[in-house]
Amino acid sequence: MKYKTLQDKIADSVALIRKAEELALALNPEQGFHVGFSGGKDSQVLLELVKMAGVKYRAVYNVTTNDPPENVYFIRKHYPEVVFVNNGGGQLVQDD
């Protein structure tokens, strides 16, 4: 059994995301993919793959009442493209 290299896995993931873009655009032509972003390592990897694929997307952090301030700071500093929405209907959270 031949194992795939990391580069092969990345290329496969990017190709799959590109293939799925048609469906994402059919469901949401204005924004394409809706990428849930928590600031964790899995979210960071997924967002990077979406960027590498060059597809249309909107990255969203769902604000709760229990958000660790350090996590919110990290996302705002390192991922300014991520949109903060509340968990009650998608209204933007205003910056201070």
PDB file of N, CA and C in Angstrom:
ATOM      1  N   MET A   1       0.836  -1.170   0.000  1.00  0.00           N
ATOM      2  CA  MET A   1       0.000   0.000   0.000  1.00  0.00           C
ATOM      3  C   MET A   1       0.889   1.245   0.000  1.00  0.00           C
ATOM      4  N   LYS A   2       0.617   2.130  -0.957  1.00  0.00           N
ATOM      5  CA  LYS A   2       1.395   3.354  -1.041  1.00  0.00           C
ATOM      6  C   LYS A   2       0.669   4.465  -0.286  1.00  0.00           C
ATOM      7  N   TYR A   3       1.379   5.124   0.597  1.00  0.00           N
ATOM      8  CA  TYR A   3       0.810   6.231   1.352  1.00  0.00           C
ATOM      9  C   TYR A   3       0.969   7.519   0.572  1.00  0.00           C
ATOM     10  N   LYS A   4      -0.023   8.373   0.673  1.00  0.00           N
ATOM     11  CA  LYS A   4       0.050   9.666   0.003  1.00  0.00           C
ATOM     12  C   LYS A   4       0.924  10.619   0.806  1.00  0.00           C
ATOM     13  N   THR A   5       1.629  11.468   0.076  1.00  0.00           N
ATOM     14  CA  THR A   5       2.424  12.498   0.741  1.00  0.00           C
ATOM     15  C   THR A   5       1.498  13.624   1.180  1.00  0.00           C
ATOM     16  N   LEU A   6       2.004  14.481   2.039  1.00  0.00           N
ATOM     17  CA  LEU A   6       1.222  15.636   2.468  1.00  0.00           C
ATOM     18  C   LEU A   6       0.825  16.490   1.270  1.00  0.00           C
ATOM     19  N   GLN A   7       1.747  16.687   0.346  1.00  0.00           N
ATOM     20  CA  GLN A   7       1.447  17.494  -0.845  1.00  0.00           C
ATOM     21  C   GLN A   7       0.343  16.858  -1.681  1.00  0.00           C
ATOM     22  N   ASP A   8       0.336  15.539  -1.777  1.00  0.00           N
ATOM     23  CA  ASP A   8      -0.740  14.846  -2.505  1.00  0.00           C
ATOM     24  C   ASP A   8      -2.080  15.041  -1.805  1.00  0.00           C
ATOM     25  N   LYS A   9      -2.079  14.964  -0.483  1.00  0.00           N
ATOM     26  CA  LYS A   9      -3.314  15.150   0.285  1.00  0.00           C
ATOM     27  C   LYS A   9      -3.839  16.573   0.124  1.00  0.00           C
ATOM     28  N   ILE A  10      -2.939  17.546   0.142  1.00  0.00           N
ATOM     29  CA  ILE A  10      -3.341  18.937  -0.055  1.00  0.00           C
ATOM     30  C   ILE A  10      -3.929  19.121  -1.447  1.00  0.00           C
ATOM     31  N   ALA A  11      -3.245  18.580  -2.460  1.00  0.00           N
ATOM     32  CA  ALA A  11      -3.730  18.699  -3.841  1.00  0.00           C
ATOM     33  C   ALA A  11      -5.101  18.048  -4.003  1.00  0.00           C
ATOM     34  N   ASP A  12      -5.312  16.886  -3.394  1.00  0.00           N
ATOM     35  CA  ASP A  12      -6.620  16.215  -3.457  1.00  0.00           C
ATOM     36  C   ASP A  12      -7.701  17.062  -2.785  1.00  0.00           C
ATOM     37  N   SER A  13      -7.371  17.649  -1.647  1.00  0.00           N
ATOM     38  CA  SER A  13      -8.338  18.470  -0.914  1.00  0.00           C
ATOM     39  C   SER A  13      -8.717  19.719  -1.710  1.00  0.00           C
ATOM     40  N   VAL A  14      -7.732  20.374  -2.284  1.00  0.00           N
ATOM     41  CA  VAL A  14      -7.976  21.569  -3.091  1.00  0.00           C
ATOM     42  C   VAL A  14      -8.835  21.216  -4.305  1.00  0.00           C
ATOM     43  N   ALA A  15      -8.534  20.092  -4.949  1.00  0.00           N
ATOM     44  CA  ALA A  15      -9.315  19.657  -6.112  1.00  0.00           C
ATOM     45  C   ALA A  15     -10.762  19.374  -5.726  1.00  0.00           C
ATOM     46  N   LEU A  16     -10.976  18.752  -4.584  1.00  0.00           N
ATOM     47  CA  LEU A  16     -12.333  18.444  -4.123  1.00  0.00           C
ATOM     48  C   LEU A  16     -13.113  19.728  -3.821  1.00  0.00           C
ATOM     49  N   ILE A  17     -12.456  20.688  -3.197  1.00  0.00           N
ATOM     50  CA  ILE A  17     -13.106  21.967  -2.901  1.00  0.00           C
ATOM     51  C   ILE A  17     -13.484  22.667  -4.198  1.00  0.00           C
ATOM     52  N   ARG A  18     -12.592  22.665  -5.169  1.00  0.00           N
ATOM     53  CA  ARG A  18     -12.898  23.293  -6.464  1.00  0.00           C
ATOM     54  C   ARG A  18     -14.065  22.590  -7.151  1.00  0.00           C
ATOM     55  N   LYS A  19     -14.089  21.280  -7.052  1.00  0.00           N
ATOM     56  CA  LYS A  19     -15.171  20.514  -7.667  1.00  0.00           C
ATOM     57  C   LYS A  19     -16.522  20.843  -7.022  1.00  0.00           C
ATOM     58  N   ALA A  20     -16.514  21.074  -5.719  1.00  0.00           N
ATOM     59  CA  ALA A  20     -17.751  21.349  -4.985  1.00  0.00           C
ATOM     60  C   ALA A  20     -18.207  22.803  -5.116  1.00  0.00           C
ATOM     61  N   GLU A  21     -17.368  23.659  -5.697  1.00  0.00           N
ATOM     62  CA  GLU A  21     -17.730  25.078  -5.775  1.00  0.00           C
ATOM     63  C   GLU A  21     -19.009  25.302  -6.579  1.00  0.00           C
ATOM     64  N   GLU A  22     -19.227  24.517  -7.614  1.00  0.00           N
ATOM     65  CA  GLU A  22     -20.443  24.675  -8.415  1.00  0.00           C
ATOM     66  C   GLU A  22     -21.698  24.545  -7.543  1.00  0.00           C
ATOM     67  N   LEU A  23     -21.698  23.560  -6.665  1.00  0.00           N
ATOM     68  CA  LEU A  23     -22.832  23.367  -5.761  1.00  0.00           C
ATOM     69  C   LEU A  23     -22.939  24.521  -4.761  1.00  0.00           C
ATOM     70  N   ALA A  24     -21.809  24.943  -4.212  1.00  0.00           N
ATOM     71  CA  ALA A  24     -21.814  26.052  -3.253  1.00  0.00           C
ATOM     72  C   ALA A  24     -22.368  27.320  -3.897  1.00  0.00           C
ATOM     73  N   LEU A  25     -21.983  27.587  -5.130  1.00  0.00           N
ATOM     74  CA  LEU A  25     -22.474  28.779  -5.821  1.00  0.00           C
ATOM     75  C   LEU A  25     -23.945  28.647  -6.192  1.00  0.00           C
ATOM     76  N   ALA A  26     -24.383  27.433  -6.478  1.00  0.00           N
ATOM     77  CA  ALA A  26     -25.804  27.217  -6.787  1.00  0.00           C
ATOM     78  C   ALA A  26     -26.661  27.505  -5.552  1.00  0.00           C
ATOM     79  N   LEU A  27     -26.145  27.162  -4.377  1.00  0.00           N
ATOM     80  CA  LEU A  27     -26.881  27.383  -3.132  1.00  0.00           C
ATOM     81  C   LEU A  27     -26.755  28.822  -2.634  1.00  0.00           C
ATOM     82  N   ASN A  28     -25.626  29.446  -2.921  1.00  0.00           N
ATOM     83  CA  ASN A  28     -25.393  30.807  -2.453  1.00  0.00           C
ATOM     84  C   ASN A  28     -24.510  31.540  -3.458  1.00  0.00           C
ATOM     85  N   PRO A  29     -25.100  32.065  -4.539  1.00  0.00           N
ATOM     86  CA  PRO A  29     -24.313  32.688  -5.603  1.00  0.00           C
ATOM     87  C   PRO A  29     -23.480  33.892  -5.153  1.00  0.00           C
ATOM     88  N   GLU A  30     -23.948  34.627  -4.154  1.00  0.00           N
ATOM     89  CA  GLU A  30     -23.229  35.825  -3.722  1.00  0.00           C
ATOM     90  C   GLU A  30     -21.992  35.512  -2.893  1.00  0.00           C
ATOM     91  N   GLN A  31     -22.047  34.427  -2.101  1.00  0.00           N
ATOM     92  CA  GLN A  31     -20.952  34.162  -1.172  1.00  0.00           C
ATOM     93  C   GLN A  31     -20.251  32.830  -1.396  1.00  0.00           C
ATOM     94  N   GLY A  32     -20.827  31.929  -2.145  1.00  0.00           N
ATOM     95  CA  GLY A  32     -20.187  30.633  -2.348  1.00  0.00           C
ATOM     96  C   GLY A  32     -20.184  29.804  -1.074  1.00  0.00           C
ATOM     97  N   PHE A  33     -19.023  29.301  -0.715  1.00  0.00           N
ATOM     98  CA  PHE A  33     -18.900  28.473   0.485  1.00  0.00           C
ATOM     99  C   PHE A  33     -19.112  29.303   1.752  1.00  0.00           C
ATOM    100  N   HIS A  34     -19.772  28.718   2.713  1.00  0.00           N
ATOM    101  CA  HIS A  34     -19.916  29.290   4.053  1.00  0.00           C
ATOM    102  C   HIS A  34     -18.994  28.465   4.940  1.00  0.00           C
ATOM    103  N   VAL A  35     -17.864  29.041   5.310  1.00  0.00           N
ATOM    104  CA  VAL A  35     -16.848  28.318   6.075  1.00  0.00           C
ATOM    105  C   VAL A  35     -16.953  28.704   7.540  1.00  0.00           C
ATOM    106  N   GLY A  36     -17.416  27.766   8.365  1.00  0.00           N
ATOM    107  CA  GLY A  36     -17.462  28.002   9.801  1.00  0.00           C
ATOM    108  C   GLY A  36     -16.050  28.044  10.353  1.00  0.00           C
ATOM    109  N   PHE A  37     -15.736  29.065  11.134  1.00  0.00           N
ATOM    110  CA  PHE A  37     -14.371  29.255  11.635  1.00  0.00           C
ATOM    111  C   PHE A  37     -14.401  29.465  13.143  1.00  0.00           C
ATOM    112  N   SER A  38     -13.673  28.609  13.864  1.00  0.00           N
ATOM    113  CA  SER A  38     -13.638  28.708  15.324  1.00  0.00           C
ATOM    114  C   SER A  38     -12.323  29.272  15.839  1.00  0.00           C
ATOM    115  N   GLY A  39     -11.327  29.351  14.971  1.00  0.00           N
ATOM    116  CA  GLY A  39      -9.999  29.779  15.395  1.00  0.00           C
ATOM    117  C   GLY A  39      -9.099  28.612  15.738  1.00  0.00           C
ATOM    118  N   GLY A  40      -9.657  27.396  15.806  1.00  0.00           N
ATOM    119  CA  GLY A  40      -8.866  26.208  16.116  1.00  0.00           C
ATOM    120  C   GLY A  40      -8.052  25.729  14.920  1.00  0.00           C
ATOM    121  N   LYS A  41      -7.207  24.755  15.168  1.00  0.00           N
ATOM    122  CA  LYS A  41      -6.300  24.287  14.117  1.00  0.00           C
ATOM    123  C   LYS A  41      -7.036  23.702  12.923  1.00  0.00           C
ATOM    124  N   ASP A  42      -8.128  22.987  13.146  1.00  0.00           N
ATOM    125  CA  ASP A  42      -8.883  22.417  12.032  1.00  0.00           C
ATOM    126  C   ASP A  42      -9.494  23.521  11.171  1.00  0.00           C
ATOM    127  N   SER A  43     -10.028  24.548  11.815  1.00  0.00           N
ATOM    128  CA  SER A  43     -10.591  25.675  11.075  1.00  0.00           C
ATOM    129  C   SER A  43      -9.515  26.412  10.288  1.00  0.00           C
ATOM    130  N   GLN A  44      -8.355  26.562  10.882  1.00  0.00           N
ATOM    131  CA  GLN A  44      -7.257  27.241  10.199  1.00  0.00           C
ATOM    132  C   GLN A  44      -6.835  26.473   8.946  1.00  0.00           C
ATOM    133  N   VAL A  45      -6.748  25.165   9.059  1.00  0.00           N
ATOM    134  CA  VAL A  45      -6.361  24.343   7.909  1.00  0.00           C
ATOM    135  C   VAL A  45      -7.427  24.404   6.824  1.00  0.00           C
ATOM    136  N   LEU A  46      -8.692  24.262   7.198  1.00  0.00           N
ATOM    137  CA  LEU A  46      -9.764  24.304   6.211  1.00  0.00           C
ATOM    138  C   LEU A  46      -9.797  25.649   5.502  1.00  0.00           C
ATOM    139  N   LEU A  47      -9.658  26.732   6.244  1.00  0.00           N
ATOM    140  CA  LEU A  47      -9.665  28.054   5.622  1.00  0.00           C
ATOM    141  C   LEU A  47      -8.492  28.207   4.665  1.00  0.00           C
ATOM    142  N   GLU A  48      -7.348  27.710   5.028  1.00  0.00           N
ATOM    143  CA  GLU A  48      -6.179  27.785   4.136  1.00  0.00           C
ATOM    144  C   GLU A  48      -6.413  26.979   2.864  1.00  0.00           C
ATOM    145  N   LEU A  49      -7.016  25.797   2.980  1.00  0.00           N
ATOM    146  CA  LEU A  49      -7.323  24.991   1.792  1.00  0.00           C
ATOM    147  C   LEU A  49      -8.309  25.705   0.869  1.00  0.00           C
ATOM    148  N   VAL A  50      -9.308  26.357   1.457  1.00  0.00           N
ATOM    149  CA  VAL A  50     -10.284  27.104   0.662  1.00  0.00           C
ATOM    150  C   VAL A  50      -9.585  28.249  -0.071  1.00  0.00           C
ATOM    151  N   LYS A  51      -8.681  28.936   0.628  1.00  0.00           N
ATOM    152  CA  LYS A  51      -7.922  30.016  -0.013  1.00  0.00           C
ATOM    153  C   LYS A  51      -7.057  29.470  -1.151  1.00  0.00           C
ATOM    154  N   MET A  52      -6.405  28.350  -0.904  1.00  0.00           N
ATOM    155  CA  MET A  52      -5.558  27.741  -1.932  1.00  0.00           C
ATOM    156  C   MET A  52      -6.370  27.340  -3.160  1.00  0.00           C
ATOM    157  N   ALA A  53      -7.608  26.934  -2.933  1.00  0.00           N
ATOM    158  CA  ALA A  53      -8.468  26.509  -4.038  1.00  0.00           C
ATOM    159  C   ALA A  53      -8.932  27.701  -4.878  1.00  0.00           C
ATOM    160  N   GLY A  54      -8.885  28.887  -4.307  1.00  0.00           N
ATOM    161  CA  GLY A  54      -9.275  30.082  -5.035  1.00  0.00           C
ATOM    162  C   GLY A  54     -10.766  30.180  -5.310  1.00  0.00           C
ATOM    163  N   VAL A  55     -11.559  29.596  -4.439  1.00  0.00           N
ATOM    164  CA  VAL A  55     -13.017  29.602  -4.625  1.00  0.00           C
ATOM    165  C   VAL A  55     -13.628  30.773  -3.861  1.00  0.00           C
ATOM    166  N   LYS A  56     -14.865  31.039  -4.182  1.00  0.00           N
ATOM    167  CA  LYS A  56     -15.611  32.098  -3.498  1.00  0.00           C
ATOM    168  C   LYS A  56     -16.072  31.555  -2.143  1.00  0.00           C
ATOM    169  N   TYR A  57     -15.827  32.322  -1.083  1.00  0.00           N
ATOM    170  CA  TYR A  57     -16.199  31.857   0.254  1.00  0.00           C
ATOM    171  C   TYR A  57     -16.462  33.037   1.176  1.00  0.00           C
ATOM    172  N   ARG A  58     -17.077  32.724   2.281  1.00  0.00           N
ATOM    173  CA  ARG A  58     -17.275  33.659   3.391  1.00  0.00           C
ATOM    174  C   ARG A  58     -16.953  32.889   4.665  1.00  0.00           C
ATOM    175  N   ALA A  59     -15.943  33.337   5.394  1.00  0.00           N
ATOM    176  CA  ALA A  59     -15.564  32.689   6.646  1.00  0.00           C
ATOM    177  C   ALA A  59     -16.310  33.371   7.792  1.00  0.00           C
ATOM    178  N   VAL A  60     -16.923  32.563   8.663  1.00  0.00           N
ATOM    179  CA  VAL A  60     -17.793  33.091   9.702  1.00  0.00           C
ATOM    180  C   VAL A  60     -17.447  32.491  11.065  1.00  0.00           C
ATOM    181  N   TYR A  61     -17.365  33.372  12.061  1.00  0.00           N
ATOM    182  CA  TYR A  61     -17.223  32.947  13.456  1.00  0.00           C
ATOM    183  C   TYR A  61     -18.552  33.211  14.142  1.00  0.00           C
ATOM    184  N   ASN A  62     -19.139  32.186  14.716  1.00  0.00           N
ATOM    185  CA  ASN A  62     -20.432  32.309  15.382  1.00  0.00           C
ATOM    186  C   ASN A  62     -20.221  32.741  16.830  1.00  0.00           C
ATOM    187  N   VAL A  63     -20.593  33.961  17.134  1.00  0.00           N
ATOM    188  CA  VAL A  63     -20.403  34.528  18.466  1.00  0.00           C
ATOM    189  C   VAL A  63     -21.418  33.927  19.437  1.00  0.00           C
ATOM    190  N   THR A  64     -20.925  33.520  20.594  1.00  0.00           N
ATOM    191  CA  THR A  64     -21.791  33.046  21.671  1.00  0.00           C
ATOM    192  C   THR A  64     -21.600  33.997  22.849  1.00  0.00           C
ATOM    193  N   THR A  65     -22.193  33.701  23.955  1.00  0.00           N
ATOM    194  CA  THR A  65     -21.965  34.530  25.144  1.00  0.00           C
ATOM    195  C   THR A  65     -20.793  34.008  25.971  1.00  0.00           C
ATOM    196  N   ASN A  66     -20.150  32.956  25.496  1.00  0.00           N
ATOM    197  CA  ASN A  66     -19.055  32.313  26.227  1.00  0.00           C
ATOM    198  C   ASN A  66     -17.741  32.352  25.467  1.00  0.00           C
ATOM    199  N   ASP A  67     -17.543  33.346  24.623  1.00  0.00           N
ATOM    200  CA  ASP A  67     -16.350  33.391  23.785  1.00  0.00           C
ATOM    201  C   ASP A  67     -15.124  33.816  24.593  1.00  0.00           C
ATOM    202  N   PRO A  68     -14.078  32.983  24.591  1.00  0.00           N
ATOM    203  CA  PRO A  68     -12.858  33.381  25.295  1.00  0.00           C
ATOM    204  C   PRO A  68     -12.264  34.621  24.622  1.00  0.00           C
ATOM    205  N   PRO A  69     -11.985  35.666  25.370  1.00  0.00           N
ATOM    206  CA  PRO A  69     -11.444  36.889  24.773  1.00  0.00           C
ATOM    207  C   PRO A  69     -10.156  36.653  23.984  1.00  0.00           C
ATOM    208  N   GLU A  70      -9.338  35.725  24.466  1.00  0.00           N
ATOM    209  CA  GLU A  70      -8.080  35.430  23.766  1.00  0.00           C
ATOM    210  C   GLU A  70      -8.345  34.859  22.373  1.00  0.00           C
ATOM    211  N   ASN A  71      -9.375  34.042  22.265  1.00  0.00           N
ATOM    212  CA  ASN A  71      -9.724  33.441  20.980  1.00  0.00           C
ATOM    213  C   ASN A  71     -10.230  34.507  20.007  1.00  0.00           C
ATOM    214  N   VAL A  72     -11.091  35.380  20.498  1.00  0.00           N
ATOM    215  CA  VAL A  72     -11.622  36.463  19.662  1.00  0.00           C
ATOM    216  C   VAL A  72     -10.483  37.369  19.212  1.00  0.00           C
ATOM    217  N   TYR A  73      -9.581  37.715  20.109  1.00  0.00           N
ATOM    218  CA  TYR A  73      -8.426  38.551  19.770  1.00  0.00           C
ATOM    219  C   TYR A  73      -7.572  37.870  18.699  1.00  0.00           C
ATOM    220  N   PHE A  74      -7.307  36.573  18.880  1.00  0.00           N
ATOM    221  CA  PHE A  74      -6.495  35.821  17.927  1.00  0.00           C
ATOM    222  C   PHE A  74      -7.117  35.855  16.529  1.00  0.00           C
ATOM    223  N   ILE A  75      -8.413  35.606  16.456  1.00  0.00           N
ATOM    224  CA  ILE A  75      -9.089  35.591  15.149  1.00  0.00           C
ATOM    225  C   ILE A  75      -9.040  36.970  14.510  1.00  0.00           C
ATOM    226  N   ARG A  76      -9.357  37.992  15.268  1.00  0.00           N
ATOM    227  CA  ARG A  76      -9.352  39.354  14.702  1.00  0.00           C
ATOM    228  C   ARG A  76      -7.961  39.763  14.228  1.00  0.00           C
ATOM    229  N   LYS A  77      -6.941  39.349  14.959  1.00  0.00           N
ATOM    230  CA  LYS A  77      -5.568  39.726  14.603  1.00  0.00           C
ATOM    231  C   LYS A  77      -5.054  38.954  13.388  1.00  0.00           C
ATOM    232  N   HIS A  78      -5.279  37.643  13.366  1.00  0.00           N
ATOM    233  CA  HIS A  78      -4.674  36.796  12.337  1.00  0.00           C
ATOM    234  C   HIS A  78      -5.595  36.463  11.170  1.00  0.00           C
ATOM    235  N   TYR A  79      -6.892  36.637  11.351  1.00  0.00           N
ATOM    236  CA  TYR A  79      -7.860  36.290  10.306  1.00  0.00           C
ATOM    237  C   TYR A  79      -8.892  37.418  10.159  1.00  0.00           C
ATOM    238  N   PRO A  80      -8.450  38.589   9.714  1.00  0.00           N
ATOM    239  CA  PRO A  80      -9.370  39.735   9.646  1.00  0.00           C
ATOM    240  C   PRO A  80     -10.512  39.548   8.655  1.00  0.00           C
ATOM    241  N   GLU A  81     -10.386  38.600   7.750  1.00  0.00           N
ATOM    242  CA  GLU A  81     -11.462  38.354   6.781  1.00  0.00           C
ATOM    243  C   GLU A  81     -12.645  37.595   7.385  1.00  0.00           C
ATOM    244  N   VAL A  82     -12.460  37.028   8.566  1.00  0.00           N
ATOM    245  CA  VAL A  82     -13.532  36.273   9.212  1.00  0.00           C
ATOM    246  C   VAL A  82     -14.598  37.245   9.721  1.00  0.00           C
ATOM    247  N   VAL A  83     -15.842  36.955   9.366  1.00  0.00           N
ATOM    248  CA  VAL A  83     -16.980  37.776   9.772  1.00  0.00           C
ATOM    249  C   VAL A  83     -17.534  37.216  11.073  1.00  0.00           C
ATOM    250  N   PHE A  84     -17.766  38.087  12.039  1.00  0.00           N
ATOM    251  CA  PHE A  84     -18.351  37.690  13.321  1.00  0.00           C
ATOM    252  C   PHE A  84     -19.866  37.858  13.242  1.00  0.00           C
ATOM    253  N   VAL A  85     -20.588  36.781  13.531  1.00  0.00           N
ATOM    254  CA  VAL A  85     -22.053  36.839  13.539  1.00  0.00           C
ATOM    255  C   VAL A  85     -22.554  36.330  14.887  1.00  0.00           C
ATOM    256  N   ASN A  86     -23.722  36.832  15.270  1.00  0.00           N
ATOM    257  CA  ASN A  86     -24.285  36.321  16.519  1.00  0.00           C
ATOM    258  C   ASN A  86     -25.005  35.014  16.236  1.00  0.00           C
ATOM    259  N   ASN A  87     -25.352  34.275  17.263  1.00  0.00           N
ATOM    260  CA  ASN A  87     -25.977  32.972  17.062  1.00  0.00           C
ATOM    261  C   ASN A  87     -27.492  33.059  16.939  1.00  0.00           C
ATOM    262  N   GLY A  88     -28.011  34.266  16.775  1.00  0.00           N
ATOM    263  CA  GLY A  88     -29.456  34.408  16.706  1.00  0.00           C
ATOM    264  C   GLY A  88     -29.985  34.866  15.369  1.00  0.00           C
ATOM    265  N   GLY A  89     -29.189  34.826  14.319  1.00  0.00           N
ATOM    266  CA  GLY A  89     -29.749  35.202  13.037  1.00  0.00           C
ATOM    267  C   GLY A  89     -28.799  35.882  12.080  1.00  0.00           C
ATOM    268  N   GLY A  90     -27.534  35.914  12.396  1.00  0.00           N
ATOM    269  CA  GLY A  90     -26.575  36.380  11.419  1.00  0.00           C
ATOM    270  C   GLY A  90     -26.298  37.869  11.387  1.00  0.00           C
ATOM    271  N   GLN A  91     -26.679  38.613  12.408  1.00  0.00           N
ATOM    272  CA  GLN A  91     -26.331  40.031  12.425  1.00  0.00           C
ATOM    273  C   GLN A  91     -24.868  40.178  12.772  1.00  0.00           C
ATOM    274  N   LEU A  92     -24.223  41.144  12.145  1.00  0.00           N
ATOM    275  CA  LEU A  92     -22.810  41.380  12.424  1.00  0.00           C
ATOM    276  C   LEU A  92     -22.623  41.920  13.824  1.00  0.00           C
ATOM    277  N   VAL A  93     -21.531  41.514  14.454  1.00  0.00           N
ATOM    278  CA  VAL A  93     -21.166  42.047  15.756  1.00  0.00           C
ATOM    279  C   VAL A  93     -20.296  43.268  15.486  1.00  0.00           C
ATOM    280  N   GLN A  94     -20.627  44.364  16.101  1.00  0.00           N
ATOM    281  CA  GLN A  94     -19.910  45.614  15.884  1.00  0.00           C
ATOM    282  C   GLN A  94     -18.596  45.605  16.653  1.00  0.00           C
ATOM    283  N   ASP A  95     -17.530  46.087  15.992  1.00  0.00           N
ATOM    284  CA  ASP A  95     -16.249  46.272  16.690  1.00  0.00           C
ATOM    285  C   ASP A  95     -16.373  47.431  17.655  1.00  0.00           C
ATOM    286  N   ASP A  96     -15.571  47.370  18.738  1.00  0.00           N
ATOM    287  CA  ASP A  96     -15.577  48.474  19.702  1.00  0.00           C
ATOM    288  C   ASP A  96     -14.863  49.687  19.131  1.00  0.00           C
TER     289      ASP A  96
END
